[in-house]
């Protein structure tokens, strides 16, 4: 791989991270705010950071998929979040999990390891002190369940499986 390819690949990963941040900020703002009009909210948040169009495009795809598949995504989270009611989770953590589940289920071009790492990083950046561990435990369990290796809950599920693409 030459230097231009490495720069381009690095730029894609950096932009995807920024897209996930934008998607999270949009979902959070819509959930705790007064508007459900996510497209306007996303544009408003994106404009404050002067984000490039490719960042906004992937963020739109993420938010749209989360909102269209919210029931299915939330059920997946509920199944793996041992002793946690979805409505009692911190809104940031809940929306990070929704984005990660959407990527695992519907964005097959994104490696599961990247999805998990990004979810944990978002939780560490935007969540509470233990959010990274909380999100990691649940998303890892979901990932393993999707692969079909674990019937365990989020607490116990990290002992089995690795790839979520079997569902």
Foldseek 3Di string as FASTA:
>chain_A
DDPVVVVVVVVVLVLCLLLLVLLLQLQLCCVPHDDVPSVVSSVVVCVVVVRDPVSSVVNVVLNVLLVVCVVVQLVLLVQAQPPDDLVPDDSSLSSLSSSLSSCQAPVVVDFNVSSLVSSLVSCVVPHDPCSSVSSNLRSLLSQQVLVPWDSDHSVPRNVTGDGNPND
